[in-house]
C-alpha atoms as a PDB file:
ATOM      1  CA  MET A   1     -22.411   7.634  29.917  1.00  0.00           C
ATOM      2  CA  ARG A   2     -22.205   4.303  28.127  1.00  0.00           C
ATOM      3  CA  ASP A   3     -25.198   2.576  29.735  1.00  0.00           C
ATOM      4  CA  GLU A   4     -27.588   5.393  28.814  1.00  0.00           C
ATOM      5  CA  LEU A   5     -26.147   5.550  25.302  1.00  0.00           C
ATOM      6  CA  GLU A   6     -26.713   1.822  24.819  1.00  0.00           C
ATOM      7  CA  GLU A   7     -30.310   2.193  25.990  1.00  0.00           C
ATOM      8  CA  TYR A   8     -30.809   4.998  23.474  1.00  0.00           C
ATOM      9  CA  VAL A   9     -29.335   2.870  20.681  1.00  0.00           C
ATOM     10  CA  HIS A  10     -31.900   0.154  21.387  1.00  0.00           C
ATOM     11  CA  ARG A  11     -34.714   2.702  21.232  1.00  0.00           C
ATOM     12  CA  VAL A  12     -33.497   3.938  17.852  1.00  0.00           C
ATOM     13  CA  LEU A  13     -32.333   0.716  16.215  1.00  0.00           C
ATOM     14  CA  GLY A  14     -34.206  -1.970  18.100  1.00  0.00           C
ATOM     15  CA  SER A  15     -32.138  -5.077  18.652  1.00  0.00           C
ATOM     16  CA  ALA A  16     -28.473  -4.116  18.364  1.00  0.00           C
ATOM     17  CA  GLU A  17     -25.120  -5.139  19.787  1.00  0.00           C
ATOM     18  CA  VAL A  18     -21.973  -3.172  20.512  1.00  0.00           C
ATOM     19  CA  SER A  19     -19.158  -4.123  18.114  1.00  0.00           C
ATOM     20  CA  ALA A  20     -16.488  -1.858  19.582  1.00  0.00           C
ATOM     21  CA  ASP A  21     -15.966   1.037  21.962  1.00  0.00           C
ATOM     22  CA  ARG A  22     -14.301   3.854  19.988  1.00  0.00           C
ATOM     23  CA  SER A  23     -14.283   6.432  22.772  1.00  0.00           C
ATOM     24  CA  TRP A  24     -11.313   8.761  23.183  1.00  0.00           C
ATOM     25  CA  GLU A  25      -9.328   8.465  26.404  1.00  0.00           C
ATOM     26  CA  HIS A  26      -9.946  12.126  27.288  1.00  0.00           C
ATOM     27  CA  GLY A  27     -13.564  11.219  28.089  1.00  0.00           C
ATOM     28  CA  GLU A  28     -15.255  14.110  26.299  1.00  0.00           C
ATOM     29  CA  ALA A  29     -17.469  11.710  24.352  1.00  0.00           C
ATOM     30  CA  CYS A  30     -18.553   8.074  24.473  1.00  0.00           C
ATOM     31  CA  VAL A  31     -18.474   6.548  20.973  1.00  0.00           C
ATOM     32  CA  LEU A  32     -19.788   3.067  20.257  1.00  0.00           C
ATOM     33  CA  GLU A  33     -19.822   1.121  17.023  1.00  0.00           C
ATOM     34  CA  VAL A  34     -23.009  -0.949  16.986  1.00  0.00           C
ATOM     35  CA  ARG A  35     -24.614  -3.454  14.626  1.00  0.00           C
ATOM     36  CA  ASP A  36     -28.381  -3.700  14.164  1.00  0.00           C
ATOM     37  CA  ALA A  37     -30.378  -6.894  13.622  1.00  0.00           C
ATOM     38  CA  GLY A  38     -29.956  -6.596   9.861  1.00  0.00           C
ATOM     39  CA  GLY A  39     -26.162  -6.474  10.118  1.00  0.00           C
ATOM     40  CA  THR A  40     -25.812  -2.743   9.361  1.00  0.00           C
ATOM     41  CA  SER A  41     -23.211  -0.886  11.421  1.00  0.00           C
ATOM     42  CA  TRP A  42     -23.770   2.516  13.023  1.00  0.00           C
ATOM     43  CA  TYR A  43     -21.897   4.884  15.297  1.00  0.00           C
ATOM     44  CA  ALA A  44     -23.558   6.141  18.466  1.00  0.00           C
ATOM     45  CA  LYS A  45     -21.966   9.128  20.174  1.00  0.00           C
ATOM     46  CA  ARG A  46     -22.782  10.850  23.444  1.00  0.00           C
ATOM     47  CA  HIS A  47     -21.104  14.159  24.221  1.00  0.00           C
ATOM     48  CA  ARG A  48     -20.180  15.153  27.754  1.00  0.00           C
ATOM     49  CA  GLN A  49     -20.473  18.872  26.917  1.00  0.00           C
ATOM     50  CA  GLU A  50     -23.723  20.350  25.623  1.00  0.00           C
ATOM     51  CA  LYS A  51     -21.872  22.876  23.474  1.00  0.00           C
ATOM     52  CA  ALA A  52     -19.980  20.147  21.602  1.00  0.00           C
ATOM     53  CA  TYR A  53     -23.199  18.191  21.051  1.00  0.00           C
ATOM     54  CA  HIS A  54     -24.988  21.169  19.523  1.00  0.00           C
ATOM     55  CA  ARG A  55     -21.975  22.011  17.343  1.00  0.00           C
ATOM     56  CA  GLU A  56     -21.985  18.542  15.834  1.00  0.00           C
ATOM     57  CA  LEU A  57     -25.770  18.357  15.523  1.00  0.00           C
ATOM     58  CA  SER A  58     -25.864  21.738  13.756  1.00  0.00           C
ATOM     59  CA  ALA A  59     -23.092  20.652  11.384  1.00  0.00           C
ATOM     60  CA  TYR A  60     -24.973  17.492  10.426  1.00  0.00           C
ATOM     61  CA  HIS A  61     -28.156  19.442   9.777  1.00  0.00           C
ATOM     62  CA  SER A  62     -26.648  22.397   7.912  1.00  0.00           C
ATOM     63  CA  TRP A  63     -23.265  21.581   6.364  1.00  0.00           C
ATOM     64  CA  VAL A  64     -22.357  17.887   6.270  1.00  0.00           C
ATOM     65  CA  PRO A  65     -25.023  17.066   3.630  1.00  0.00           C
ATOM     66  CA  VAL A  66     -23.012  18.979   0.991  1.00  0.00           C
ATOM     67  CA  LEU A  67     -20.414  16.185   1.211  1.00  0.00           C
ATOM     68  CA  GLY A  68     -22.967  13.582   0.123  1.00  0.00           C
ATOM     69  CA  GLY A  69     -21.605  10.062   0.452  1.00  0.00           C
ATOM     70  CA  ARG A  70     -18.189  11.384   1.456  1.00  0.00           C
ATOM     71  CA  ALA A  71     -19.314  11.763   5.078  1.00  0.00           C
ATOM     72  CA  PRO A  72     -21.691   9.988   7.471  1.00  0.00           C
ATOM     73  CA  TRP A  73     -25.370  10.915   7.640  1.00  0.00           C
ATOM     74  CA  LEU A  74     -27.370  11.506  10.802  1.00  0.00           C
ATOM     75  CA  ARG A  75     -29.936   8.830  11.698  1.00  0.00           C
ATOM     76  CA  ALA A  76     -31.195  10.211  15.024  1.00  0.00           C
ATOM     77  CA  SER A  77     -30.406  12.613  17.861  1.00  0.00           C
ATOM     78  CA  ASP A  78     -31.541  13.245  21.437  1.00  0.00           C
ATOM     79  CA  ASP A  79     -30.993  16.652  23.019  1.00  0.00           C
ATOM     80  CA  ALA A  80     -31.580  15.461  26.580  1.00  0.00           C
ATOM     81  CA  LEU A  81     -28.891  12.774  26.288  1.00  0.00           C
ATOM     82  CA  ARG A  82     -26.656  14.818  23.944  1.00  0.00           C
ATOM     83  CA  ALA A  83     -26.579  11.691  21.754  1.00  0.00           C
ATOM     84  CA  LEU A  84     -26.277  11.070  18.009  1.00  0.00           C
ATOM     85  CA  VAL A  85     -26.640   7.972  15.843  1.00  0.00           C
ATOM     86  CA  MET A  86     -24.761   8.186  12.549  1.00  0.00           C
ATOM     87  CA  SER A  87     -24.056   5.965   9.569  1.00  0.00           C
ATOM     88  CA  VAL A  88     -20.704   4.228   9.181  1.00  0.00           C
ATOM     89  CA  VAL A  89     -18.756   5.135   6.047  1.00  0.00           C
ATOM     90  CA  PRO A  90     -16.173   2.782   4.544  1.00  0.00           C
ATOM     91  CA  GLY A  91     -12.428   3.183   4.871  1.00  0.00           C
ATOM     92  CA  SER A  92      -9.546   3.139   7.300  1.00  0.00           C
ATOM     93  CA  VAL A  93      -8.104   6.124   9.155  1.00  0.00           C
ATOM     94  CA  ALA A  94      -5.749   7.877   6.740  1.00  0.00           C
ATOM     95  CA  ALA A  95      -3.233   8.733   9.449  1.00  0.00           C
ATOM     96  CA  ASP A  96      -2.732   5.017  10.152  1.00  0.00           C
ATOM     97  CA  THR A  97      -2.832   3.494   6.680  1.00  0.00           C
ATOM     98  CA  LEU A  98      -1.321   5.837   4.091  1.00  0.00           C
ATOM     99  CA  ALA A  99       1.695   4.680   2.134  1.00  0.00           C
ATOM    100  CA  SER A 100       4.008   7.461   0.996  1.00  0.00           C
ATOM    101  CA  GLY A 101       2.957   7.126  -2.622  1.00  0.00           C
ATOM    102  CA  GLU A 102      -0.711   7.643  -1.754  1.00  0.00           C
ATOM    103  CA  GLU A 103      -0.417  10.716   0.432  1.00  0.00           C
ATOM    104  CA  VAL A 104      -0.384  13.364  -2.283  1.00  0.00           C
ATOM    105  CA  GLY A 105      -3.602  12.173  -3.904  1.00  0.00           C
ATOM    106  CA  VAL A 106      -5.338  11.825  -0.568  1.00  0.00           C
ATOM    107  CA  HIS A 107      -4.393  15.372   0.445  1.00  0.00           C
ATOM    108  CA  GLU A 108      -5.681  16.697  -2.873  1.00  0.00           C
ATOM    109  CA  GLN A 109      -9.032  14.963  -2.340  1.00  0.00           C
ATOM    110  CA  ALA A 110      -9.187  16.203   1.240  1.00  0.00           C
ATOM    111  CA  GLY A 111      -8.608  19.758   0.031  1.00  0.00           C
ATOM    112  CA  ALA A 112     -11.478  19.469  -2.456  1.00  0.00           C
ATOM    113  CA  LEU A 113     -13.808  18.095   0.246  1.00  0.00           C
ATOM    114  CA  LEU A 114     -12.899  20.896   2.632  1.00  0.00           C
ATOM    115  CA  ARG A 115     -13.705  23.473  -0.033  1.00  0.00           C
ATOM    116  CA  ARG A 116     -17.169  21.924  -0.436  1.00  0.00           C
ATOM    117  CA  PHE A 117     -17.673  22.116   3.315  1.00  0.00           C
ATOM    118  CA  HIS A 118     -16.502  25.735   3.495  1.00  0.00           C
ATOM    119  CA  ASP A 119     -18.841  26.628   0.635  1.00  0.00           C
ATOM    120  CA  ALA A 120     -21.882  25.132   2.392  1.00  0.00           C
ATOM    121  CA  GLU A 121     -22.807  28.724   3.326  1.00  0.00           C
ATOM    122  CA  SER A 122     -21.769  32.042   1.860  1.00  0.00           C
ATOM    123  CA  PRO A 123     -18.809  33.672   3.640  1.00  0.00           C
ATOM    124  CA  GLU A 124     -19.717  36.419   6.081  1.00  0.00           C
ATOM    125  CA  PRO A 125     -17.614  39.283   7.460  1.00  0.00           C
ATOM    126  CA  TRP A 126     -16.162  38.908  10.943  1.00  0.00           C
ATOM    127  CA  PRO A 127     -15.509  42.485  12.109  1.00  0.00           C
ATOM    128  CA  GLY A 128     -14.670  41.569  15.700  1.00  0.00           C
ATOM    129  CA  TYR A 129     -12.280  38.744  14.899  1.00  0.00           C
ATOM    130  CA  PRO A 130      -9.021  40.257  16.292  1.00  0.00           C
ATOM    131  CA  GLN A 131     -10.729  41.229  19.539  1.00  0.00           C
ATOM    132  CA  ARG A 132     -12.322  37.801  19.865  1.00  0.00           C
ATOM    133  CA  VAL A 133      -8.986  36.015  19.409  1.00  0.00           C
ATOM    134  CA  ALA A 134      -7.374  38.333  21.976  1.00  0.00           C
ATOM    135  CA  GLU A 135     -10.181  37.665  24.481  1.00  0.00           C
ATOM    136  CA  LEU A 136      -9.900  33.894  24.050  1.00  0.00           C
ATOM    137  CA  LEU A 137      -6.129  34.057  24.400  1.00  0.00           C
ATOM    138  CA  GLU A 138      -6.419  35.881  27.725  1.00  0.00           C
ATOM    139  CA  GLN A 139      -8.981  33.362  28.958  1.00  0.00           C
ATOM    140  CA  TRP A 140      -6.677  30.437  28.179  1.00  0.00           C
ATOM    141  CA  ILE A 141      -3.627  32.179  29.658  1.00  0.00           C
ATOM    142  CA  ALA A 142      -5.548  32.773  32.879  1.00  0.00           C
ATOM    143  CA  ARG A 143      -6.871  29.223  32.883  1.00  0.00           C
ATOM    144  CA  GLY A 144      -3.392  27.777  32.387  1.00  0.00           C
ATOM    145  CA  GLY A 145      -1.679  29.715  35.167  1.00  0.00           C
ATOM    146  CA  ASP A 146       2.057  29.038  35.074  1.00  0.00           C
ATOM    147  CA  LEU A 147       1.749  26.501  32.227  1.00  0.00           C
ATOM    148  CA  ILE A 148       2.419  29.427  29.881  1.00  0.00           C
ATOM    149  CA  ASP A 149       5.491  31.381  30.985  1.00  0.00           C
ATOM    150  CA  GLU A 150       5.914  35.140  30.731  1.00  0.00           C
ATOM    151  CA  ALA A 151       7.981  35.052  27.522  1.00  0.00           C
ATOM    152  CA  GLN A 152       5.385  32.841  25.839  1.00  0.00           C
ATOM    153  CA  ARG A 153       2.577  35.120  26.998  1.00  0.00           C
ATOM    154  CA  THR A 154       4.313  38.204  25.634  1.00  0.00           C
ATOM    155  CA  PHE A 155       4.964  36.557  22.293  1.00  0.00           C
ATOM    156  CA  ALA A 156       1.391  35.247  21.977  1.00  0.00           C
ATOM    157  CA  ARG A 157      -0.113  38.645  22.790  1.00  0.00           C
ATOM    158  CA  GLU A 158       2.124  40.436  20.287  1.00  0.00           C
ATOM    159  CA  GLU A 159       1.298  37.936  17.537  1.00  0.00           C
ATOM    160  CA  VAL A 160      -2.439  38.189  18.111  1.00  0.00           C
ATOM    161  CA  ARG A 161      -2.235  41.997  18.296  1.00  0.00           C
ATOM    162  CA  ARG A 162      -1.021  42.034  14.663  1.00  0.00           C
ATOM    163  CA  LEU A 163      -4.408  40.742  13.516  1.00  0.00           C
ATOM    164  CA  VAL A 164      -5.896  44.238  13.898  1.00  0.00           C
ATOM    165  CA  GLU A 165      -3.603  45.446  11.096  1.00  0.00           C
ATOM    166  CA  LEU A 166      -5.120  43.004   8.572  1.00  0.00           C
ATOM    167  CA  PRO A 167      -8.208  43.365   6.372  1.00  0.00           C
ATOM    168  CA  GLU A 168     -11.432  42.200   7.962  1.00  0.00           C
ATOM    169  CA  PRO A 169     -11.536  38.392   7.628  1.00  0.00           C
ATOM    170  CA  MET A 170     -14.461  36.290   6.450  1.00  0.00           C
ATOM    171  CA  ARG A 171     -15.799  33.286   8.318  1.00  0.00           C
ATOM    172  CA  VAL A 172     -17.160  30.086   6.822  1.00  0.00           C
ATOM    173  CA  PRO A 173     -18.341  26.682   8.076  1.00  0.00           C
ATOM    174  CA  CYS A 174     -15.202  24.978   9.414  1.00  0.00           C
ATOM    175  CA  HIS A 175     -14.464  21.438  10.598  1.00  0.00           C
ATOM    176  CA  ARG A 176     -11.782  22.658  13.055  1.00  0.00           C
ATOM    177  CA  ASP A 177     -10.123  19.281  13.508  1.00  0.00           C
ATOM    178  CA  TYR A 178      -9.260  18.630   9.895  1.00  0.00           C
ATOM    179  CA  THR A 179      -6.394  16.135   9.860  1.00  0.00           C
ATOM    180  CA  PRO A 180      -5.718  12.662   8.402  1.00  0.00           C
ATOM    181  CA  ARG A 181      -6.978  11.114  11.642  1.00  0.00           C
ATOM    182  CA  ASN A 182     -10.447  12.332  10.607  1.00  0.00           C
ATOM    183  CA  TRP A 183     -10.189  11.162   7.004  1.00  0.00           C
ATOM    184  CA  LEU A 184     -11.072   7.624   5.970  1.00  0.00           C
ATOM    185  CA  VAL A 185      -9.591   6.087   2.826  1.00  0.00           C
ATOM    186  CA  ASP A 186     -11.186   3.015   1.229  1.00  0.00           C
ATOM    187  CA  GLY A 187      -9.588   0.359  -0.963  1.00  0.00           C
ATOM    188  CA  GLU A 188     -10.119   2.438  -4.088  1.00  0.00           C
ATOM    189  CA  GLY A 189      -8.443   5.482  -2.572  1.00  0.00           C
ATOM    190  CA  THR A 190     -11.638   7.465  -2.004  1.00  0.00           C
ATOM    191  CA  VAL A 191     -11.467   9.904   0.921  1.00  0.00           C
ATOM    192  CA  ARG A 192     -14.298  10.513   3.366  1.00  0.00           C
ATOM    193  CA  VAL A 193     -14.516  12.890   6.331  1.00  0.00           C
ATOM    194  CA  ILE A 194     -15.694  12.105   9.875  1.00  0.00           C
ATOM    195  CA  ASP A 195     -16.048  13.700  13.350  1.00  0.00           C
ATOM    196  CA  PHE A 196     -17.743  17.084  13.229  1.00  0.00           C
ATOM    197  CA  GLY A 197     -17.728  17.662  16.988  1.00  0.00           C
ATOM    198  CA  HIS A 198     -15.604  20.819  16.714  1.00  0.00           C
ATOM    199  CA  ALA A 199     -17.390  22.330  13.704  1.00  0.00           C
ATOM    200  CA  ARG A 200     -18.447  25.956  13.745  1.00  0.00           C
ATOM    201  CA  LYS A 201     -17.921  29.084  11.669  1.00  0.00           C
ATOM    202  CA  ASP A 202     -14.326  30.333  11.647  1.00  0.00           C
ATOM    203  CA  VAL A 203     -11.678  31.783   9.341  1.00  0.00           C
ATOM    204  CA  TRP A 204     -10.939  29.291   6.562  1.00  0.00           C
ATOM    205  CA  VAL A 205      -7.227  28.969   7.331  1.00  0.00           C
ATOM    206  CA  ASN A 206      -7.973  27.615  10.791  1.00  0.00           C
ATOM    207  CA  ASP A 207      -8.824  24.334   9.073  1.00  0.00           C
ATOM    208  CA  LEU A 208      -5.217  24.202   7.823  1.00  0.00           C
ATOM    209  CA  ASN A 209      -3.737  24.882  11.249  1.00  0.00           C
ATOM    210  CA  ARG A 210      -3.197  21.329  12.479  1.00  0.00           C
ATOM    211  CA  MET A 211      -1.747  20.052   9.196  1.00  0.00           C
ATOM    212  CA  TYR A 212       0.491  23.073   8.713  1.00  0.00           C
ATOM    213  CA  PHE A 213       2.428  22.219  11.862  1.00  0.00           C
ATOM    214  CA  ALA A 214       2.279  18.427  11.566  1.00  0.00           C
ATOM    215  CA  GLU A 215       1.731  16.541   8.284  1.00  0.00           C
ATOM    216  CA  TRP A 216       2.928  19.431   6.106  1.00  0.00           C
ATOM    217  CA  ARG A 217       6.100  19.980   8.096  1.00  0.00           C
ATOM    218  CA  GLY A 218       8.877  19.292   5.613  1.00  0.00           C
ATOM    219  CA  ARG A 219       6.298  18.151   3.035  1.00  0.00           C
ATOM    220  CA  PRO A 220       5.467  21.085   0.747  1.00  0.00           C
ATOM    221  CA  ASP A 221       4.197  18.555  -1.794  1.00  0.00           C
ATOM    222  CA  LEU A 222       1.340  17.621   0.542  1.00  0.00           C
ATOM    223  CA  ARG A 223       0.524  21.257   1.249  1.00  0.00           C
ATOM    224  CA  ASP A 224       0.534  22.120  -2.453  1.00  0.00           C
ATOM    225  CA  ALA A 225      -1.632  19.101  -3.331  1.00  0.00           C
ATOM    226  CA  PHE A 226      -4.149  20.018  -0.640  1.00  0.00           C
ATOM    227  CA  LEU A 227      -4.344  23.654  -1.746  1.00  0.00           C
ATOM    228  CA  SER A 228      -4.629  22.565  -5.363  1.00  0.00           C
ATOM    229  CA  GLY A 229      -7.648  20.442  -4.447  1.00  0.00           C
ATOM    230  CA  TYR A 230      -9.042  23.307  -2.388  1.00  0.00           C
ATOM    231  CA  GLY A 231      -8.576  25.705  -5.288  1.00  0.00           C
ATOM    232  CA  ARG A 232      -6.867  28.533  -3.423  1.00  0.00           C
ATOM    233  CA  SER A 233      -3.328  29.471  -2.469  1.00  0.00           C
ATOM    234  CA  LEU A 234      -2.191  31.111   0.750  1.00  0.00           C
ATOM    235  CA  ALA A 235      -1.767  34.874   0.386  1.00  0.00           C
ATOM    236  CA  GLU A 236       0.444  36.876   2.740  1.00  0.00           C
ATOM    237  CA  GLU A 237      -2.528  37.964   4.852  1.00  0.00           C
ATOM    238  CA  ASP A 238      -3.714  34.342   5.026  1.00  0.00           C
ATOM    239  CA  HIS A 239      -0.354  33.383   6.521  1.00  0.00           C
ATOM    240  CA  ALA A 240      -0.717  36.172   9.091  1.00  0.00           C
ATOM    241  CA  VAL A 241      -4.224  35.050  10.101  1.00  0.00           C
ATOM    242  CA  LEU A 242      -2.988  31.453  10.244  1.00  0.00           C
ATOM    243  CA  ARG A 243      -0.191  32.467  12.616  1.00  0.00           C
ATOM    244  CA  GLY A 244      -2.603  34.275  14.935  1.00  0.00           C
ATOM    245  CA  ALA A 245      -4.973  31.317  14.954  1.00  0.00           C
ATOM    246  CA  ALA A 246      -2.054  28.944  15.491  1.00  0.00           C
ATOM    247  CA  VAL A 247      -0.798  30.880  18.515  1.00  0.00           C
ATOM    248  CA  LEU A 248      -4.232  30.756  20.123  1.00  0.00           C
ATOM    249  CA  GLY A 249      -4.563  27.086  19.180  1.00  0.00           C
ATOM    250  CA  ALA A 250      -1.189  26.211  20.667  1.00  0.00           C
ATOM    251  CA  VAL A 251      -1.822  27.999  23.976  1.00  0.00           C
ATOM    252  CA  SER A 252      -5.328  26.576  24.372  1.00  0.00           C
ATOM    253  CA  SER A 253      -4.172  23.063  23.437  1.00  0.00           C
ATOM    254  CA  ILE A 254      -1.307  23.122  25.954  1.00  0.00           C
ATOM    255  CA  VAL A 255      -3.747  23.995  28.722  1.00  0.00           C
ATOM    256  CA  TRP A 256      -6.422  21.539  27.538  1.00  0.00           C
ATOM    257  CA  ALA A 257      -3.886  18.724  27.220  1.00  0.00           C
ATOM    258  CA  ARG A 258      -2.635  19.247  30.769  1.00  0.00           C
ATOM    259  CA  GLU A 259      -6.203  19.254  32.102  1.00  0.00           C
ATOM    260  CA  HIS A 260      -6.919  16.012  30.242  1.00  0.00           C
ATOM    261  CA  HIS A 261      -3.612  14.307  31.126  1.00  0.00           C
ATOM    262  CA  ASP A 262      -2.393  14.065  27.531  1.00  0.00           C
ATOM    263  CA  PRO A 263       1.388  14.692  27.612  1.00  0.00           C
ATOM    264  CA  HIS A 264       1.904  13.832  23.925  1.00  0.00           C
ATOM    265  CA  PHE A 265      -0.656  16.434  22.812  1.00  0.00           C
ATOM    266  CA  GLU A 266       0.838  19.008  25.156  1.00  0.00           C
ATOM    267  CA  ALA A 267       4.375  18.348  23.889  1.00  0.00           C
ATOM    268  CA  HIS A 268       3.298  18.720  20.271  1.00  0.00           C
ATOM    269  CA  HIS A 269       1.699  22.109  20.884  1.00  0.00           C
ATOM    270  CA  ARG A 270       4.629  23.329  22.946  1.00  0.00           C
ATOM    271  CA  ASP A 271       6.732  22.501  19.900  1.00  0.00           C
ATOM    272  CA  VAL A 272       4.306  24.426  17.669  1.00  0.00           C
ATOM    273  CA  LEU A 273       4.519  27.480  19.940  1.00  0.00           C
ATOM    274  CA  ALA A 274       8.322  27.282  20.013  1.00  0.00           C
ATOM    275  CA  ARG A 275       8.493  27.055  16.213  1.00  0.00           C
ATOM    276  CA  LEU A 276       6.212  30.048  15.829  1.00  0.00           C
ATOM    277  CA  ARG A 277       8.446  32.083  18.154  1.00  0.00           C
ATOM    278  CA  GLN A 278      11.542  30.973  16.278  1.00  0.00           C
ATOM    279  CA  GLU A 279      10.023  31.962  12.924  1.00  0.00           C
ATOM    280  CA  ALA A 280       9.010  35.356  14.311  1.00  0.00           C
ATOM    281  CA  THR A 281      12.552  36.124  15.419  1.00  0.00           C
ATOM    282  CA  GLY A 282      14.074  34.925  12.139  1.00  0.00           C
END
């Protein structure tokens, strides 16, 4: 994947050199930081899966521009290669650099940016949402085989079945991997958002899913700051939709992590599933 991506970079930028390989170990995308002849840095990304490429390309065309300078902009794309060239925005990964005193302000900014992203298109009804979640759950259960035991399957199915009792949800443009590892913070404390490879329309609370069971665990101050920036609190039905989405997310992530040999990711989502079961039983 890398050789063809480098060739594409030269076609787009002319003379350029690779500064660093930023690819994830799971191999779903090759990501290179490159520098052109004028000294400007860019990111070049080649997706392994066509679906992921088109998700990110669509996000950059339709939704990312509402963030202005708080996100990268798209320089070029190639459908045949599933490749993108994007600008580099300043800052360091928030998950790696935040001091405790800075976290609240960063979460508030991140909440405000997410609201802008969600508002990039008007919300639309999602009448088949409960059935869609149930279908996806069954697909991941079947795909995982004995990775998900019978008690976990029963719990997950019961939790997802409760979604049919809720009002019809709305779907909006969602990032779907919205965590501090995809926020950059510069020296002045300004937050920017990166990595739109999972973006698609979804229920808004699914963009809270990862933080709810990680960064916000035991930190209601971070949750409250984020929601204050977002401009909306979590109603009872929002919590119910979040739980259904979290169950599906945990099951699918356990299976995906095993397939991609990521034991840390698998362990985290097994913990999420266990906590959800514990909360359900009081």
